[in-house]
Protein backbone atom coordinates (compact mmCIF):
# COMPACT_ATOMS: atom_id res chain seq x y z
CA MET A 1 59.68 39.49 105.18
CA THR A 2 59.68 36.71 102.79
CA PRO A 3 62.83 34.51 102.22
CA ARG A 4 63.17 36.02 98.73
CA THR A 5 63.19 39.53 100.14
CA ALA A 6 65.69 38.63 102.68
CA HIS A 7 67.80 36.99 100.08
CA LEU A 8 67.57 40.18 97.97
CA ARG A 9 68.63 42.39 100.90
CA GLU A 10 71.56 40.24 101.59
CA THR A 11 72.60 40.56 98.15
CA LEU A 12 72.47 44.36 98.11
CA GLN A 13 74.26 44.36 101.68
CA GLU A 14 77.19 42.47 99.89
CA ARG A 15 77.39 44.78 97.16
CA LEU A 16 77.19 47.91 99.33
CA GLY A 17 79.86 46.71 101.63
CA GLY A 18 77.77 45.37 104.43
CA LEU A 19 75.54 48.42 105.05
CA THR A 20 72.26 47.91 106.96
CA ILE A 21 69.43 47.87 104.68
CA THR A 22 65.82 48.00 106.08
CA ILE A 23 62.85 47.29 103.79
CA ALA A 24 59.59 48.67 105.15
CA PRO A 25 56.64 45.99 105.00
CA ALA A 26 54.90 48.55 102.58
CA ARG A 27 57.79 48.68 100.35
CA SER A 28 58.69 44.91 100.43
CA LYS A 29 56.32 43.84 97.80
CA HIS A 30 57.15 46.74 95.53
CA PHE A 31 60.90 45.59 95.87
CA GLU A 32 60.10 42.09 95.18
CA MET A 33 58.08 43.07 92.08
CA ARG A 34 60.82 45.04 90.74
CA ALA A 35 63.29 42.44 91.37
CA LEU A 36 61.13 39.96 89.39
CA GLU A 37 60.65 42.33 86.39
CA GLY A 38 64.35 42.56 86.22
CA ALA A 39 64.78 38.80 86.34
CA LEU A 40 62.45 38.18 83.54
CA GLN A 41 64.24 40.62 81.11
CA THR A 42 66.55 38.03 79.30
CA ARG A 43 64.70 36.17 76.57
CA ALA A 44 65.41 34.34 73.51
CA ASN A 45 63.65 35.09 70.31
CA VAL A 46 62.29 32.04 68.78
CA LEU A 47 60.06 32.87 65.70
CA GLY A 48 58.99 35.89 67.53
CA VAL A 49 58.01 34.15 70.71
CA PRO A 50 59.99 35.57 73.69
CA VAL A 51 61.39 32.35 75.57
CA ALA A 52 62.91 32.98 78.93
CA ALA A 53 66.56 32.25 78.76
CA LEU A 54 66.89 30.31 82.06
CA ASP A 55 67.25 27.19 83.59
CA MET A 56 65.24 25.11 86.25
CA GLU A 57 66.56 26.80 89.43
CA THR A 58 66.31 30.33 88.05
CA ALA A 59 62.55 29.48 86.82
CA LEU A 60 61.55 28.04 90.36
CA ALA A 61 63.10 31.24 91.93
CA ASN A 62 61.10 33.51 89.73
CA ILE A 63 58.00 31.52 90.43
CA GLU A 64 58.48 31.82 94.19
CA LEU A 65 59.26 35.59 93.85
CA ALA A 66 55.96 36.01 91.75
CA LEU A 67 53.82 34.26 94.47
CA SER A 68 55.63 36.12 97.32
CA ALA A 69 54.88 39.38 95.53
CA GLY A 70 51.39 38.48 94.49
CA ARG A 71 52.48 39.15 90.88
CA LYS A 72 49.37 37.86 88.77
CA GLY A 73 50.42 36.18 85.51
CA TYR A 74 50.42 32.96 83.70
CA VAL A 75 53.42 30.71 82.49
CA CYS A 76 53.38 29.13 79.14
CA MET A 77 55.53 26.30 78.02
CA ALA A 78 57.36 27.10 74.78
CA ALA A 79 57.43 24.00 72.49
CA VAL A 80 57.46 23.53 68.64
CA HIS A 81 53.79 22.99 68.27
CA GLY A 82 52.85 25.92 70.31
CA ILE A 83 55.38 28.18 68.64
CA MET A 84 54.17 27.31 65.19
CA GLU A 85 50.52 27.86 66.26
CA ALA A 86 51.58 31.31 67.15
CA GLN A 87 52.91 31.77 63.57
CA ARG A 88 49.46 30.91 62.30
CA ARG A 89 47.34 32.54 64.75
CA PRO A 90 47.86 36.09 66.14
CA GLU A 91 45.89 35.46 69.33
CA VAL A 92 48.14 32.55 70.17
CA MET A 93 51.29 34.86 69.75
CA ARG A 94 49.64 37.47 72.03
CA ALA A 95 48.91 34.67 74.61
CA TYR A 96 52.75 34.05 74.63
CA THR A 97 53.81 37.66 74.58
CA ASP A 98 51.37 38.48 77.39
CA SER A 99 52.60 35.64 79.68
CA LEU A 100 54.82 36.21 82.78
CA MET A 101 57.13 33.71 81.40
CA ALA A 102 57.27 31.45 78.27
CA LEU A 103 59.71 28.54 79.46
CA PRO A 104 61.87 26.55 77.11
CA ASP A 105 59.84 23.48 77.14
CA GLY A 106 61.53 21.71 74.09
CA ARG A 107 65.08 21.14 72.99
CA PRO A 108 64.64 23.23 69.90
CA ALA A 109 63.87 26.40 71.93
CA VAL A 110 67.09 25.69 73.91
CA TRP A 111 69.40 25.31 70.94
CA VAL A 112 67.94 28.57 69.45
CA GLY A 113 68.61 30.26 72.69
CA ARG A 114 72.15 29.03 72.74
CA LEU A 115 72.78 30.06 69.20
CA GLN A 116 71.57 33.55 70.04
CA GLY A 117 74.35 33.63 72.94
CA HIS A 118 72.15 32.59 75.95
CA GLN A 119 74.50 29.79 77.21
CA GLN A 120 72.68 29.54 80.53
CA ILE A 121 69.37 28.39 78.87
CA GLU A 122 68.28 24.83 79.85
CA GLN A 123 65.12 22.88 78.92
CA VAL A 124 62.44 23.46 81.56
CA SER A 125 59.39 21.31 80.80
CA GLY A 126 55.87 21.56 82.08
CA PRO A 127 55.75 18.25 83.95
CA GLN A 128 59.14 19.09 85.56
CA VAL A 129 58.01 22.49 86.76
CA MET A 130 54.81 21.01 88.17
CA LEU A 131 56.69 18.28 89.91
CA GLU A 132 59.32 20.75 91.46
CA VAL A 133 56.70 23.17 92.74
CA PHE A 134 54.87 20.40 94.62
CA ARG A 135 57.93 18.83 95.78
CA ARG A 136 59.83 21.69 97.30
CA ARG A 137 58.76 22.78 100.69
CA ALA A 138 59.42 26.58 99.74
CA PHE A 139 55.99 26.40 98.09
CA ALA A 140 54.09 24.80 100.87
CA PRO A 141 52.30 27.95 101.99
CA TYR A 142 50.63 28.13 98.52
CA THR A 143 47.45 26.23 97.39
CA HIS A 144 46.79 24.16 94.14
CA PHE A 145 43.83 23.77 91.77
CA LEU A 146 43.91 21.25 88.82
CA TYR A 147 42.08 22.15 85.78
CA GLY A 148 42.26 19.47 82.87
CA GLY A 149 42.53 15.97 81.91
CA LYS A 150 40.10 13.29 81.16
CA PRO A 151 37.33 12.32 83.59
CA GLY A 152 39.14 11.20 86.88
CA VAL A 153 42.80 12.21 85.86
CA ALA A 154 42.76 15.58 87.74
CA GLN A 155 41.25 13.72 90.98
CA GLU A 156 43.85 10.84 90.71
CA LEU A 157 46.74 13.42 90.25
CA ALA A 158 45.48 15.31 93.23
CA ALA A 159 45.54 12.23 95.26
CA ARG A 160 48.83 11.12 94.27
CA MET A 161 50.54 14.47 94.81
CA SER A 162 48.95 14.69 98.33
CA ARG A 163 50.21 11.25 99.14
CA GLN A 164 53.80 12.12 97.70
CA PHE A 165 54.19 15.42 99.22
CA PRO A 166 51.81 15.80 102.37
CA TRP A 167 52.89 19.44 102.52
CA ALA A 168 51.25 20.41 99.18
CA ARG A 169 47.59 21.44 99.33
CA VAL A 170 45.32 20.64 96.51
CA VAL A 171 42.03 22.55 97.08
CA GLY A 172 40.23 21.61 94.20
CA THR A 173 39.96 20.06 90.59
CA TYR A 174 37.83 20.55 87.55
CA THR A 175 37.54 18.32 84.45
CA PRO A 176 36.63 20.60 81.51
CA PRO A 177 34.77 19.58 78.39
CA PHE A 178 36.86 19.40 75.03
CA ARG A 179 35.42 22.67 73.97
CA ASP A 180 34.92 26.20 75.09
CA LEU A 181 33.05 26.56 78.41
CA THR A 182 29.41 27.48 78.19
CA ARG A 183 28.51 30.39 80.21
CA GLN A 184 26.97 28.19 83.00
CA GLU A 185 30.22 26.18 83.20
CA GLU A 186 32.16 29.36 83.31
CA ARG A 187 30.08 30.66 86.04
CA HIS A 188 30.18 27.69 88.15
CA LEU A 189 33.91 27.29 87.66
CA ILE A 190 34.71 31.01 88.70
CA GLU A 191 32.22 30.70 91.75
CA THR A 192 34.16 27.43 92.77
CA LEU A 193 37.52 29.34 92.48
CA CYS A 194 36.33 32.38 94.40
CA ARG A 195 35.44 30.05 97.23
CA LEU A 196 38.67 28.12 97.35
CA ARG A 197 41.12 30.97 96.27
CA PRO A 198 43.98 28.87 95.26
CA SER A 199 47.60 30.35 94.75
CA ILE A 200 48.00 28.32 91.82
CA VAL A 201 45.99 26.77 88.75
CA TRP A 202 47.50 24.15 86.84
CA VAL A 203 45.81 24.09 83.28
CA GLY A 204 46.24 20.54 81.57
CA ILE A 205 44.61 20.98 78.33
CA SER A 206 46.23 20.79 74.86
CA SER A 207 48.12 23.55 73.37
CA PRO A 208 47.38 26.15 72.23
CA ARG A 209 43.85 25.97 73.89
CA GLN A 210 45.63 26.31 77.34
CA GLU A 211 47.38 29.29 76.37
CA LEU A 212 44.38 31.10 74.93
CA PHE A 213 42.43 29.88 78.21
CA MET A 214 45.00 31.49 80.55
CA ARG A 215 44.95 34.65 78.83
CA GLN A 216 41.31 34.86 78.79
CA TYR A 217 40.70 34.04 82.46
CA LEU A 218 43.66 35.26 84.35
CA ASP A 219 42.00 38.49 85.46
CA ARG A 220 38.75 36.64 86.31
CA PHE A 221 40.37 34.12 88.46
CA PRO A 222 41.05 34.75 92.17
CA THR A 223 44.55 33.34 91.76
CA THR A 224 48.10 34.46 91.52
CA LEU A 225 49.64 32.22 88.98
CA MET A 226 48.43 29.86 86.21
CA PHE A 227 50.53 27.28 84.44
CA GLY A 228 49.81 25.68 81.19
CA VAL A 229 51.54 22.16 81.67
CA GLY A 230 49.92 20.19 78.59
CA ALA A 231 50.14 16.55 79.15
CA ALA A 232 51.53 16.68 82.74
CA PHE A 233 48.57 15.28 84.31
CA ASP A 234 48.89 12.18 82.16
CA PHE A 235 52.78 12.16 82.77
CA HIS A 236 52.30 12.31 86.72
CA THR A 237 49.27 9.65 86.65
CA GLY A 238 51.46 7.15 84.35
CA ARG A 239 49.34 7.15 81.33
CA ILE A 240 52.35 8.68 79.38
CA ARG A 241 55.73 7.23 79.88
CA ASP A 242 58.38 9.89 80.25
CA SER A 243 61.59 9.43 78.07
CA ALA A 244 65.24 8.94 79.42
CA ALA A 245 67.50 12.06 79.87
CA TRP A 246 69.48 11.14 76.97
CA ILE A 247 66.59 11.24 74.72
CA LYS A 248 65.64 14.68 75.75
CA ARG A 249 69.06 15.91 75.39
CA ALA A 250 69.26 14.63 71.81
CA GLY A 251 65.82 16.31 71.04
CA LEU A 252 64.05 13.18 70.30
CA GLN A 253 61.41 13.44 73.00
CA TRP A 254 58.80 14.08 70.29
CA LEU A 255 59.72 10.75 68.79
CA HIS A 256 59.18 8.93 72.22
CA ARG A 257 55.75 10.54 72.33
CA LEU A 258 55.05 9.70 68.86
CA VAL A 259 55.56 6.05 69.41
CA GLN A 260 53.22 5.90 72.43
CA ASP A 261 50.38 7.96 70.60
CA PRO A 262 50.86 7.83 66.84
CA LYS A 263 47.25 8.38 65.83
CA HIS A 264 46.99 11.72 67.86
CA LEU A 265 50.50 13.18 66.98
CA PHE A 266 51.54 11.79 63.71
CA TRP A 267 49.85 14.43 61.54
CA ARG A 268 50.64 17.19 64.07
CA TYR A 269 54.28 16.40 63.94
CA MET A 270 54.28 16.08 60.10
CA ARG A 271 52.79 19.68 59.87
CA THR A 272 54.77 21.44 62.53
CA ASN A 273 58.24 19.97 62.62
CA PRO A 274 59.43 20.56 58.94
CA ALA A 275 57.76 24.03 58.99
CA PHE A 276 59.65 24.93 62.15
CA LEU A 277 63.06 23.88 60.78
CA TRP A 278 62.20 25.84 57.59
CA GLN A 279 61.28 29.04 59.44
CA ILE A 280 64.00 28.87 62.11
CA GLY A 281 66.65 28.45 59.31
CA LEU A 282 65.39 31.70 57.72
CA GLN A 283 65.57 33.47 61.01
CA LEU A 284 69.00 32.19 62.00
CA THR A 285 70.51 33.01 58.76
CA GLY A 286 68.99 36.60 58.87
CA LEU A 287 66.75 35.88 55.66
CA LYS A 288 63.69 36.71 57.88
CA ASN A 289 63.20 38.79 60.91
CA TYR A 290 60.77 37.94 63.74
CA ALA A 291 60.15 40.79 66.08
CA VAL A 292 59.37 40.21 69.63
CA GLN A 293 56.77 42.04 71.58
CA VAL A 294 56.87 41.73 75.34
CA ASN A 295 54.03 42.51 77.80
CA THR A 296 54.91 45.30 80.18
CA LYS A 297 51.82 45.14 82.29
CA PHE A 298 52.69 45.34 85.97
CA ALA A 299 49.72 44.02 88.09
CA THR A 300 49.06 42.39 91.42
CA ALA A 301 46.02 40.74 92.66
CA GLU A 302 44.81 43.95 94.40
CA ASP A 303 44.74 45.75 91.07
CA VAL A 304 41.49 43.90 90.30
CA SER A 305 38.11 45.60 91.03
CA ASP A 306 35.96 43.86 93.69
CA CYS A 307 33.11 41.43 93.04
CA ASP A 308 29.67 42.81 92.48
CA SER A 309 27.41 40.22 93.66
CA SER A 310 24.68 41.13 91.02
CA ALA A 311 27.27 40.77 88.25
CA ASP A 312 27.26 37.77 86.05
CA LEU A 313 30.71 36.71 86.84
CA CYS A 314 33.03 36.93 89.88
CA THR A 315 36.36 38.69 89.75
CA PRO A 316 39.60 37.72 91.56
CA SER A 317 38.80 39.93 94.55
CA CYS A 318 35.30 38.76 95.30
CA GLY A 319 34.40 38.04 98.65
């Protein structure tokens, strides 16, 4: 029985007056899966993007439960840029709504969530989540694969994480081109993952490319979870300086990033930030409604068919 299942059993025992509860191994995973599905129901509506209304500890508990139960899925980081891309492109909105969780990566998502009554919501950023998963020994049984970054960055990050957290196992890295993969590149990547079988694939490419990538490849990768963590690779290798806590609380992290990379970020912020303020104002005043659609797919790694050695591409259960 996993620690998470044991915790859930103890909680039920408390609620049922100390009665003995036995969870058979065959039912343990089902029990964990249902508990996870229930834990993911509380969401804020940010322009139609379902943002998980939680804090870091709850997010990590859900991640641990998903890994333990074998719940395949991908985790998005909901910041202003990605949310606005979802308004312009239906495929990006589908990538958010089909995710296991869209975490409140930016302060605006937190503010909107609290205005909607979710007082427990806190900022949960991609770099923070990545660091905590590597740091905590509860995740030591799971392996990692790093996908993203400029040449050499993923390898440097793997080395740093391994030195800092010796119990964390990075089994491989891949530096993708700044474009869609060719069929040959795609096949090579999937064959590599079929051989390494990582528990987690960290995707460090720009948004919304990473959201579209995860949605496209989740069912073809032999992994349980994928995380779209954006610039986390650059944060953790020192290429981007993180901002102070008070800057984050004030919602000025975008300005801190802009000062470091004005050439790349100026026009992005000029296009997205005013548009976000306008549209969120319409939503919060009730002048415009944004419907939320949430994925109800309930799948595990075992739900994927076996790999056919004659097929063009491997599937997650290939051997």
